[in-house]
C-alpha atoms as a PDB file:
ATOM      1  CA  MET A   1     144.270  66.332 136.369  1.00  0.00           C
ATOM      2  CA  ASN A   2     147.606  64.682 135.587  1.00  0.00           C
ATOM      3  CA  LEU A   3     148.881  67.102 132.908  1.00  0.00           C
ATOM      4  CA  LYS A   4     152.405  66.830 131.540  1.00  0.00           C
ATOM      5  CA  ILE A   5     153.981  69.382 129.174  1.00  0.00           C
ATOM      6  CA  ARG A   6     156.883  68.035 127.154  1.00  0.00           C
ATOM      7  CA  ILE A   7     158.842  68.557 123.970  1.00  0.00           C
ATOM      8  CA  ALA A   8     157.296  66.450 121.233  1.00  0.00           C
ATOM      9  CA  THR A   9     159.129  63.601 119.547  1.00  0.00           C
ATOM     10  CA  ILE A  10     158.718  62.107 116.090  1.00  0.00           C
ATOM     11  CA  ASN A  11     156.401  59.573 117.756  1.00  0.00           C
ATOM     12  CA  ASP A  12     153.917  62.438 118.257  1.00  0.00           C
ATOM     13  CA  ALA A  13     153.814  63.267 114.541  1.00  0.00           C
ATOM     14  CA  GLY A  14     150.490  61.472 114.009  1.00  0.00           C
ATOM     15  CA  SER A  15     148.752  63.519 116.706  1.00  0.00           C
ATOM     16  CA  ILE A  16     150.366  66.732 115.479  1.00  0.00           C
ATOM     17  CA  ASN A  17     149.240  66.051 111.904  1.00  0.00           C
ATOM     18  CA  LEU A  18     145.674  65.405 113.058  1.00  0.00           C
ATOM     19  CA  PHE A  19     145.661  68.508 115.255  1.00  0.00           C
ATOM     20  CA  ASN A  20     147.017  70.682 112.424  1.00  0.00           C
ATOM     21  CA  LYS A  21     144.338  69.367 110.073  1.00  0.00           C
ATOM     22  CA  ASN A  22     141.603  70.048 112.640  1.00  0.00           C
ATOM     23  CA  MET A  23     142.973  73.508 113.488  1.00  0.00           C
ATOM     24  CA  ALA A  24     143.129  74.636 109.845  1.00  0.00           C
ATOM     25  CA  MET A  25     139.546  73.564 109.260  1.00  0.00           C
ATOM     26  CA  GLU A  26     138.169  74.965 112.538  1.00  0.00           C
ATOM     27  CA  THR A  27     139.867  78.359 112.445  1.00  0.00           C
ATOM     28  CA  GLU A  28     140.089  79.157 108.741  1.00  0.00           C
ATOM     29  CA  GLY A  29     137.956  76.594 106.920  1.00  0.00           C
ATOM     30  CA  ILE A  30     141.049  75.403 105.042  1.00  0.00           C
ATOM     31  CA  PRO A  31     141.534  71.726 104.177  1.00  0.00           C
ATOM     32  CA  LEU A  32     145.246  70.988 104.369  1.00  0.00           C
ATOM     33  CA  ASN A  33     147.062  68.952 101.752  1.00  0.00           C
ATOM     34  CA  GLU A  34     147.751  66.045 104.079  1.00  0.00           C
ATOM     35  CA  GLU A  35     150.919  64.838 102.371  1.00  0.00           C
ATOM     36  CA  ILE A  36     152.535  68.283 102.333  1.00  0.00           C
ATOM     37  CA  ALA A  37     151.472  68.966 105.940  1.00  0.00           C
ATOM     38  CA  LYS A  38     152.814  65.572 107.045  1.00  0.00           C
ATOM     39  CA  ARG A  39     156.189  66.301 105.438  1.00  0.00           C
ATOM     40  CA  GLY A  40     156.160  69.758 107.062  1.00  0.00           C
ATOM     41  CA  VAL A  41     155.790  68.237 110.532  1.00  0.00           C
ATOM     42  CA  GLU A  42     158.483  65.639 109.829  1.00  0.00           C
ATOM     43  CA  ASN A  43     160.843  68.349 108.539  1.00  0.00           C
ATOM     44  CA  LEU A  44     160.619  70.267 111.806  1.00  0.00           C
ATOM     45  CA  PHE A  45     161.781  67.165 113.659  1.00  0.00           C
ATOM     46  CA  LYS A  46     164.637  66.735 111.163  1.00  0.00           C
ATOM     47  CA  ASN A  47     165.612  70.423 111.446  1.00  0.00           C
ATOM     48  CA  PRO A  48     165.461  71.487 115.103  1.00  0.00           C
ATOM     49  CA  ASN A  49     167.080  74.815 114.187  1.00  0.00           C
ATOM     50  CA  TYR A  50     163.650  75.723 112.694  1.00  0.00           C
ATOM     51  CA  GLY A  51     161.862  75.144 116.004  1.00  0.00           C
ATOM     52  CA  TYR A  52     160.060  72.454 117.967  1.00  0.00           C
ATOM     53  CA  TYR A  53     156.656  71.279 119.152  1.00  0.00           C
ATOM     54  CA  LEU A  54     155.415  71.172 122.723  1.00  0.00           C
ATOM     55  CA  VAL A  55     152.617  68.793 123.567  1.00  0.00           C
ATOM     56  CA  ALA A  56     150.264  68.563 126.505  1.00  0.00           C
ATOM     57  CA  GLU A  57     149.697  65.029 127.700  1.00  0.00           C
ATOM     58  CA  LEU A  58     146.806  64.167 130.002  1.00  0.00           C
ATOM     59  CA  ASP A  59     146.879  60.727 131.571  1.00  0.00           C
ATOM     60  CA  GLY A  60     149.215  59.555 128.788  1.00  0.00           C
ATOM     61  CA  ALA A  61     147.181  60.920 125.830  1.00  0.00           C
ATOM     62  CA  VAL A  62     148.268  63.947 123.788  1.00  0.00           C
ATOM     63  CA  VAL A  63     145.453  66.510 124.072  1.00  0.00           C
ATOM     64  CA  GLY A  64     147.109  69.741 122.913  1.00  0.00           C
ATOM     65  CA  GLN A  65     150.078  71.251 121.149  1.00  0.00           C
ATOM     66  CA  LEU A  66     151.878  74.323 120.008  1.00  0.00           C
ATOM     67  CA  MET A  67     154.871  74.882 117.765  1.00  0.00           C
ATOM     68  CA  ILE A  68     157.726  77.279 118.468  1.00  0.00           C
ATOM     69  CA  THR A  69     159.775  78.840 115.684  1.00  0.00           C
ATOM     70  CA  TYR A  70     162.478  81.487 115.917  1.00  0.00           C
ATOM     71  CA  GLU A  71     162.908  85.011 114.593  1.00  0.00           C
ATOM     72  CA  TRP A  72     166.145  86.937 115.009  1.00  0.00           C
ATOM     73  CA  SER A  73     165.758  90.603 115.967  1.00  0.00           C
ATOM     74  CA  ASP A  74     168.734  92.757 115.077  1.00  0.00           C
ATOM     75  CA  TRP A  75     167.055  95.702 116.829  1.00  0.00           C
ATOM     76  CA  ARG A  76     167.003  93.804 120.112  1.00  0.00           C
ATOM     77  CA  ASN A  77     169.952  91.460 119.588  1.00  0.00           C
ATOM     78  CA  GLY A  78     167.780  88.529 120.597  1.00  0.00           C
ATOM     79  CA  LEU A  79     165.366  85.860 119.495  1.00  0.00           C
ATOM     80  CA  PHE A  80     161.609  86.076 119.403  1.00  0.00           C
ATOM     81  CA  LEU A  81     159.819  82.810 120.026  1.00  0.00           C
ATOM     82  CA  TRP A  82     156.858  82.521 117.665  1.00  0.00           C
ATOM     83  CA  ILE A  83     153.948  80.409 118.881  1.00  0.00           C
ATOM     84  CA  GLN A  84     152.206  78.652 116.010  1.00  0.00           C
ATOM     85  CA  SER A  85     149.987  75.624 115.367  1.00  0.00           C
ATOM     86  CA  VAL A  86     148.095  75.962 118.645  1.00  0.00           C
ATOM     87  CA  TYR A  87     145.498  73.256 119.132  1.00  0.00           C
ATOM     88  CA  VAL A  88     143.672  71.668 122.047  1.00  0.00           C
ATOM     89  CA  LEU A  89     141.149  68.891 121.517  1.00  0.00           C
ATOM     90  CA  PRO A  90     137.631  70.345 121.919  1.00  0.00           C
ATOM     91  CA  GLN A  91     136.701  68.190 124.925  1.00  0.00           C
ATOM     92  CA  TYR A  92     139.771  69.491 126.820  1.00  0.00           C
ATOM     93  CA  ARG A  93     139.311  73.204 126.147  1.00  0.00           C
ATOM     94  CA  LYS A  94     138.727  75.596 129.053  1.00  0.00           C
ATOM     95  CA  LEU A  95     140.735  73.317 131.360  1.00  0.00           C
ATOM     96  CA  GLY A  96     143.940  75.380 131.263  1.00  0.00           C
ATOM     97  CA  ILE A  97     145.747  73.196 128.704  1.00  0.00           C
ATOM     98  CA  TYR A  98     146.870  76.106 126.538  1.00  0.00           C
ATOM     99  CA  LYS A  99     147.701  78.152 129.634  1.00  0.00           C
ATOM    100  CA  SER A 100     150.042  75.360 130.761  1.00  0.00           C
ATOM    101  CA  LEU A 101     151.713  75.201 127.342  1.00  0.00           C
ATOM    102  CA  TYR A 102     152.115  78.992 127.281  1.00  0.00           C
ATOM    103  CA  THR A 103     153.427  79.141 130.849  1.00  0.00           C
ATOM    104  CA  ASN A 104     156.075  76.583 129.907  1.00  0.00           C
ATOM    105  CA  ILE A 105     157.224  78.795 127.015  1.00  0.00           C
ATOM    106  CA  LEU A 106     157.035  81.948 129.131  1.00  0.00           C
ATOM    107  CA  ASN A 107     159.246  80.382 131.807  1.00  0.00           C
ATOM    108  CA  GLU A 108     161.741  79.241 129.172  1.00  0.00           C
ATOM    109  CA  ALA A 109     161.868  82.755 127.744  1.00  0.00           C
ATOM    110  CA  LYS A 110     162.335  84.422 131.133  1.00  0.00           C
ATOM    111  CA  ASN A 111     165.233  82.082 131.931  1.00  0.00           C
ATOM    112  CA  ASN A 112     167.077  82.551 128.622  1.00  0.00           C
ATOM    113  CA  SER A 113     168.860  85.878 128.115  1.00  0.00           C
ATOM    114  CA  ASN A 114     168.910  85.300 124.325  1.00  0.00           C
ATOM    115  CA  ILE A 115     165.110  85.478 124.098  1.00  0.00           C
ATOM    116  CA  CYS A 116     163.694  88.986 123.773  1.00  0.00           C
ATOM    117  CA  GLY A 117     159.993  88.205 123.421  1.00  0.00           C
ATOM    118  CA  ILE A 118     157.164  85.885 122.478  1.00  0.00           C
ATOM    119  CA  ARG A 119     154.929  86.486 119.483  1.00  0.00           C
ATOM    120  CA  LEU A 120     152.067  84.772 117.771  1.00  0.00           C
ATOM    121  CA  TYR A 121     149.634  85.531 115.040  1.00  0.00           C
ATOM    122  CA  VAL A 122     145.942  84.785 115.163  1.00  0.00           C
ATOM    123  CA  GLU A 123     143.249  84.832 112.501  1.00  0.00           C
ATOM    124  CA  LYS A 124     141.483  88.218 112.742  1.00  0.00           C
ATOM    125  CA  HIS A 125     138.038  86.800 113.502  1.00  0.00           C
ATOM    126  CA  ASN A 126     139.112  84.121 115.988  1.00  0.00           C
ATOM    127  CA  ASN A 127     137.730  86.022 118.977  1.00  0.00           C
ATOM    128  CA  THR A 128     137.888  83.034 121.308  1.00  0.00           C
ATOM    129  CA  ALA A 129     141.640  82.652 120.818  1.00  0.00           C
ATOM    130  CA  ARG A 130     142.182  86.410 121.043  1.00  0.00           C
ATOM    131  CA  GLU A 131     140.432  86.464 124.435  1.00  0.00           C
ATOM    132  CA  VAL A 132     142.580  83.601 125.713  1.00  0.00           C
ATOM    133  CA  TYR A 133     145.798  85.325 124.658  1.00  0.00           C
ATOM    134  CA  SER A 134     144.707  88.608 126.251  1.00  0.00           C
ATOM    135  CA  LYS A 135     143.782  86.900 129.529  1.00  0.00           C
ATOM    136  CA  LEU A 136     147.304  85.470 129.677  1.00  0.00           C
ATOM    137  CA  GLY A 137     148.804  88.950 129.436  1.00  0.00           C
ATOM    138  CA  MET A 138     149.662  89.081 125.746  1.00  0.00           C
ATOM    139  CA  LYS A 139     148.960  92.373 123.994  1.00  0.00           C
ATOM    140  CA  GLU A 140     147.909  93.024 120.440  1.00  0.00           C
ATOM    141  CA  SER A 141     150.892  94.264 118.447  1.00  0.00           C
ATOM    142  CA  GLU A 142     151.047  97.519 116.540  1.00  0.00           C
ATOM    143  CA  TYR A 143     152.216  95.548 113.504  1.00  0.00           C
ATOM    144  CA  ALA A 144     149.952  94.278 110.741  1.00  0.00           C
ATOM    145  CA  MET A 145     151.090  91.147 108.976  1.00  0.00           C
ATOM    146  CA  TYR A 146     151.599  90.940 105.212  1.00  0.00           C
ATOM    147  CA  GLU A 147     152.748  87.981 103.189  1.00  0.00           C
ATOM    148  CA  THR A 148     153.591  86.678  99.778  1.00  0.00           C
ATOM    149  CA  ASP A 149     152.630  83.036  99.651  1.00  0.00           C
ATOM    150  CA  PHE A 150     154.418  80.467  97.498  1.00  0.00           C
ATOM    151  CA  VAL A 151     153.455  76.906  96.782  1.00  0.00           C
ATOM    152  CA  ILE A 152     156.465  74.747  97.491  1.00  0.00           C
ATOM    153  CA  LYS A 153     156.710  71.796  95.152  1.00  0.00           C
ATOM    154  CA  ARG A 154     158.312  69.002  97.112  1.00  0.00           C
END
């Protein structure tokens, strides 16, 4: 398996958009507004201070992704890396694609003294994903997540 993990470029936006659409439907049954989601992906590339995407490429084809965003922790005087938008094409699951993406992030975090941890959130009933994260050594947090959701009109 010739797997390459790399930082995504704007040229990967089409794959990322498709993966985000598939992920939202598979995990939460939510159809994304494609125009808003497309602009959201493009905005991350235009604003690297928000974060970045990593993609997994197998024999030249993008087969998986994750997005990293940042959270400042004043308690720890460091950054948390938040893993979001995780997706691996169904035919490439259980081949270690996500593990490779995660290991890349884990190594980055261990080699950067400004990073104090890695976090992600997962839909409560997505047991498959929860098992994967546990097997990689992640632990369920003591925190519950709350939100107030706004529709951005752009």
